[in-house]
């Protein structure tokens, strides 16, 4: 089994060949397919908005210094935050 990962966008096809020990013999070639690669930056054109802040027990709270908090964003991601204030 062989794999190929495209690293640039373009038209790609698969060519299957085999060898009879004397020469390479082409068996078949697939039709072309467009491979369009999306970068993580391209996928996040609209930055996620902060939806909710909860403490470590899951209780909704406000942003407070010196308290471990969990930020929950509109895209479903979470971020653990600790803002230290002297």
N, C-alpha and C. Protein backbone atom coordinates (compact mmCIF):
# COMPACT_ATOMS: atom_id res chain seq x y z
N UNK A 1 0.84 -1.17 0.00
CA UNK A 1 0.00 0.00 0.00
C UNK A 1 0.88 1.23 0.00
N UNK A 2 0.55 2.20 -0.82
CA UNK A 2 1.30 3.44 -0.88
C UNK A 2 0.36 4.61 -0.67
N UNK A 3 0.90 5.69 -0.08
CA UNK A 3 0.13 6.89 0.18
C UNK A 3 0.84 8.09 -0.41
N UNK A 4 0.08 9.11 -0.70
CA UNK A 4 0.63 10.38 -1.14
C UNK A 4 -0.18 11.49 -0.53
N UNK A 5 0.48 12.48 0.04
CA UNK A 5 -0.20 13.64 0.61
C UNK A 5 0.19 14.86 -0.19
N UNK A 6 -0.80 15.47 -0.84
CA UNK A 6 -0.54 16.67 -1.63
C UNK A 6 -0.19 17.82 -0.69
N UNK A 7 0.80 18.61 -1.07
CA UNK A 7 1.21 19.75 -0.25
C UNK A 7 0.90 21.08 -0.91
N UNK A 8 0.48 21.05 -2.17
CA UNK A 8 0.06 22.26 -2.86
C UNK A 8 -1.24 21.97 -3.60
N UNK A 9 -2.11 22.97 -3.76
CA UNK A 9 -3.35 22.75 -4.49
C UNK A 9 -3.06 22.41 -5.95
N UNK A 10 -3.95 21.65 -6.57
CA UNK A 10 -3.78 21.32 -7.98
C UNK A 10 -4.63 20.14 -8.39
N UNK A 11 -4.50 19.74 -9.64
CA UNK A 11 -5.19 18.58 -10.18
C UNK A 11 -4.29 17.36 -10.00
N UNK A 12 -4.86 16.31 -9.44
CA UNK A 12 -4.08 15.10 -9.19
C UNK A 12 -4.81 13.88 -9.74
N UNK A 13 -4.02 12.91 -10.21
CA UNK A 13 -4.55 11.62 -10.67
C UNK A 13 -3.68 10.52 -10.08
N UNK A 14 -4.22 9.33 -10.07
CA UNK A 14 -3.47 8.17 -9.58
C UNK A 14 -3.12 7.30 -10.76
N UNK A 15 -1.83 6.94 -10.84
CA UNK A 15 -1.38 6.04 -11.90
C UNK A 15 -0.90 4.76 -11.25
N UNK A 16 -1.50 3.67 -11.64
CA UNK A 16 -1.13 2.35 -11.10
C UNK A 16 -0.26 1.65 -12.13
N UNK A 17 0.92 1.23 -11.68
CA UNK A 17 1.85 0.52 -12.57
C UNK A 17 2.36 -0.73 -11.84
N UNK A 18 2.90 -1.62 -12.63
CA UNK A 18 3.54 -2.78 -12.02
C UNK A 18 4.76 -3.13 -12.86
N UNK A 19 5.62 -3.92 -12.29
CA UNK A 19 6.84 -4.31 -12.97
C UNK A 19 6.84 -5.83 -13.15
N UNK A 20 7.23 -6.25 -14.34
CA UNK A 20 7.39 -7.69 -14.57
C UNK A 20 8.87 -8.07 -14.50
N UNK A 21 9.64 -7.29 -13.73
CA UNK A 21 11.07 -7.44 -13.51
C UNK A 21 11.93 -7.02 -14.70
N UNK A 22 11.35 -6.83 -15.86
CA UNK A 22 12.12 -6.39 -17.02
C UNK A 22 11.76 -4.96 -17.41
N UNK A 23 10.54 -4.58 -17.21
CA UNK A 23 10.12 -3.24 -17.59
C UNK A 23 8.90 -2.82 -16.78
N UNK A 24 8.71 -1.51 -16.66
CA UNK A 24 7.53 -0.98 -15.98
C UNK A 24 6.38 -0.99 -16.98
N UNK A 25 5.25 -1.51 -16.58
CA UNK A 25 4.07 -1.60 -17.44
C UNK A 25 2.94 -0.83 -16.76
N UNK A 26 2.41 0.19 -17.45
CA UNK A 26 1.32 0.97 -16.89
C UNK A 26 0.03 0.16 -16.97
N UNK A 27 -0.71 0.16 -15.87
CA UNK A 27 -1.95 -0.59 -15.81
C UNK A 27 -3.14 0.32 -16.01
N UNK A 28 -3.22 1.42 -15.21
CA UNK A 28 -4.39 2.28 -15.28
C UNK A 28 -4.07 3.64 -14.68
N UNK A 29 -4.80 4.66 -15.13
CA UNK A 29 -4.69 6.01 -14.58
C UNK A 29 -6.09 6.52 -14.29
N UNK A 30 -6.27 7.06 -13.10
CA UNK A 30 -7.59 7.59 -12.73
C UNK A 30 -7.84 8.92 -13.42
N UNK A 31 -9.05 9.43 -13.30
CA UNK A 31 -9.33 10.78 -13.78
C UNK A 31 -8.72 11.77 -12.81
N UNK A 32 -8.57 13.02 -13.25
CA UNK A 32 -7.99 14.06 -12.40
C UNK A 32 -9.01 14.57 -11.40
N UNK A 33 -8.53 14.89 -10.22
CA UNK A 33 -9.36 15.45 -9.16
C UNK A 33 -8.67 16.66 -8.58
N UNK A 34 -9.45 17.71 -8.30
CA UNK A 34 -8.91 18.93 -7.71
C UNK A 34 -8.67 18.71 -6.23
N UNK A 35 -7.47 19.03 -5.79
CA UNK A 35 -7.13 19.01 -4.37
C UNK A 35 -6.89 20.46 -3.97
N UNK A 36 -7.75 20.94 -3.07
CA UNK A 36 -7.63 22.31 -2.59
C UNK A 36 -7.29 22.24 -1.11
N UNK A 37 -6.15 22.77 -0.75
CA UNK A 37 -5.64 22.65 0.61
C UNK A 37 -5.97 23.93 1.37
N UNK A 38 -6.61 23.76 2.52
CA UNK A 38 -6.95 24.90 3.37
C UNK A 38 -5.98 24.97 4.54
N UNK A 39 -5.38 26.10 4.72
CA UNK A 39 -4.49 26.33 5.85
C UNK A 39 -5.34 26.63 7.08
N UNK A 40 -4.81 26.39 8.24
CA UNK A 40 -5.54 26.69 9.47
C UNK A 40 -5.92 28.16 9.50
N UNK A 41 -5.05 29.05 9.02
CA UNK A 41 -5.37 30.47 8.99
C UNK A 41 -6.57 30.74 8.09
N UNK A 42 -6.66 30.03 6.98
CA UNK A 42 -7.79 30.20 6.07
C UNK A 42 -9.09 29.74 6.71
N UNK A 43 -9.02 28.71 7.54
CA UNK A 43 -10.22 28.18 8.16
C UNK A 43 -10.74 29.07 9.28
N UNK A 44 -9.90 29.93 9.80
CA UNK A 44 -10.32 30.76 10.92
C UNK A 44 -10.34 32.24 10.54
N UNK A 45 -10.98 32.57 9.42
CA UNK A 45 -11.07 33.97 9.00
C UNK A 45 -11.92 34.77 9.97
N UNK A 46 -12.96 34.15 10.53
CA UNK A 46 -13.79 34.82 11.52
C UNK A 46 -13.37 34.34 12.89
N UNK A 47 -12.67 35.19 13.65
CA UNK A 47 -12.20 34.73 14.95
C UNK A 47 -13.36 34.36 15.87
N UNK A 48 -13.15 33.34 16.67
CA UNK A 48 -14.18 32.89 17.61
C UNK A 48 -14.38 33.96 18.68
N UNK A 49 -15.62 34.10 19.10
CA UNK A 49 -15.95 35.07 20.15
C UNK A 49 -16.05 34.36 21.49
N UNK A 50 -15.66 35.06 22.54
CA UNK A 50 -15.78 34.53 23.89
C UNK A 50 -17.26 34.49 24.25
N UNK A 51 -17.76 33.29 24.56
CA UNK A 51 -19.18 33.10 24.85
C UNK A 51 -19.43 33.07 26.35
N UNK A 52 -18.53 32.37 27.08
CA UNK A 52 -18.79 32.15 28.50
C UNK A 52 -17.47 31.96 29.22
N UNK A 53 -17.44 32.38 30.48
CA UNK A 53 -16.30 32.14 31.35
C UNK A 53 -16.81 31.34 32.53
N UNK A 54 -16.14 30.21 32.82
CA UNK A 54 -16.55 29.37 33.95
C UNK A 54 -15.34 29.11 34.84
N UNK A 55 -15.63 28.81 36.11
CA UNK A 55 -14.56 28.43 37.03
C UNK A 55 -14.28 26.93 36.87
N UNK A 56 -13.38 26.41 37.67
CA UNK A 56 -13.00 25.01 37.53
C UNK A 56 -14.11 24.03 37.91
N UNK A 57 -15.16 24.54 38.59
CA UNK A 57 -16.30 23.69 38.92
C UNK A 57 -17.41 23.81 37.87
N UNK A 58 -17.16 24.60 36.83
CA UNK A 58 -18.14 24.74 35.75
C UNK A 58 -19.18 25.81 35.99
N UNK A 59 -19.01 26.61 37.03
CA UNK A 59 -19.96 27.68 37.33
C UNK A 59 -19.61 28.92 36.52
N UNK A 60 -20.61 29.50 35.87
CA UNK A 60 -20.38 30.71 35.08
C UNK A 60 -19.94 31.83 36.01
N UNK A 61 -18.95 32.59 35.60
CA UNK A 61 -18.38 33.65 36.42
C UNK A 61 -17.88 34.77 35.55
N UNK A 62 -17.42 35.82 36.15
CA UNK A 62 -16.81 36.93 35.41
C UNK A 62 -15.30 36.72 35.36
N UNK A 63 -14.63 37.48 34.52
CA UNK A 63 -13.17 37.38 34.42
C UNK A 63 -12.59 38.02 35.68
N UNK A 64 -11.80 37.22 36.42
CA UNK A 64 -11.21 37.68 37.67
C UNK A 64 -9.74 37.31 37.70
N UNK A 65 -8.89 38.21 38.18
CA UNK A 65 -7.48 37.87 38.31
C UNK A 65 -7.26 36.88 39.45
N UNK A 66 -6.13 36.19 39.40
CA UNK A 66 -5.70 35.23 40.42
C UNK A 66 -6.67 34.08 40.63
N UNK A 67 -7.44 33.75 39.61
CA UNK A 67 -8.39 32.65 39.67
C UNK A 67 -8.28 31.83 38.40
N UNK A 68 -8.06 30.52 38.48
CA UNK A 68 -8.04 29.70 37.26
C UNK A 68 -9.44 29.68 36.63
N UNK A 69 -9.50 30.01 35.35
CA UNK A 69 -10.78 30.09 34.65
C UNK A 69 -10.71 29.31 33.34
N UNK A 70 -11.87 29.00 32.81
CA UNK A 70 -11.98 28.36 31.50
C UNK A 70 -12.82 29.27 30.61
N UNK A 71 -12.22 29.69 29.48
CA UNK A 71 -12.93 30.51 28.51
C UNK A 71 -13.54 29.58 27.46
N UNK A 72 -14.80 29.76 27.16
CA UNK A 72 -15.49 28.96 26.15
C UNK A 72 -15.84 29.86 24.98
N UNK A 73 -15.45 29.45 23.76
CA UNK A 73 -15.62 30.29 22.58
C UNK A 73 -16.73 29.77 21.67
N UNK A 74 -17.17 30.65 20.77
CA UNK A 74 -18.31 30.34 19.89
C UNK A 74 -18.05 29.18 18.94
N UNK A 75 -16.78 28.86 18.66
CA UNK A 75 -16.47 27.74 17.76
C UNK A 75 -16.35 26.42 18.52
N UNK A 76 -16.63 26.43 19.83
CA UNK A 76 -16.55 25.22 20.63
C UNK A 76 -15.21 25.00 21.30
N UNK A 77 -14.23 25.84 20.99
CA UNK A 77 -12.92 25.67 21.61
C UNK A 77 -12.94 26.22 23.03
N UNK A 78 -11.99 25.74 23.83
CA UNK A 78 -11.86 26.23 25.20
C UNK A 78 -10.41 26.62 25.44
N UNK A 79 -10.22 27.48 26.43
CA UNK A 79 -8.88 27.93 26.76
C UNK A 79 -8.81 28.08 28.28
N UNK A 80 -7.83 27.46 28.90
CA UNK A 80 -7.61 27.62 30.34
C UNK A 80 -6.77 28.87 30.55
N UNK A 81 -7.24 29.73 31.45
CA UNK A 81 -6.62 31.04 31.62
C UNK A 81 -6.38 31.30 33.10
N UNK A 82 -5.22 31.84 33.38
CA UNK A 82 -4.92 32.33 34.72
C UNK A 82 -4.23 33.67 34.56
N UNK A 83 -4.88 34.72 35.02
CA UNK A 83 -4.32 36.07 34.92
C UNK A 83 -3.81 36.44 36.32
N UNK A 84 -2.50 36.60 36.42
CA UNK A 84 -1.92 36.90 37.72
C UNK A 84 -1.89 38.42 37.92
N UNK A 85 -2.32 38.81 39.07
CA UNK A 85 -2.31 40.22 39.42
C UNK A 85 -1.77 40.34 40.84
N UNK A 86 -0.74 41.17 41.02
CA UNK A 86 -0.13 41.35 42.36
C UNK A 86 -0.92 42.33 43.18
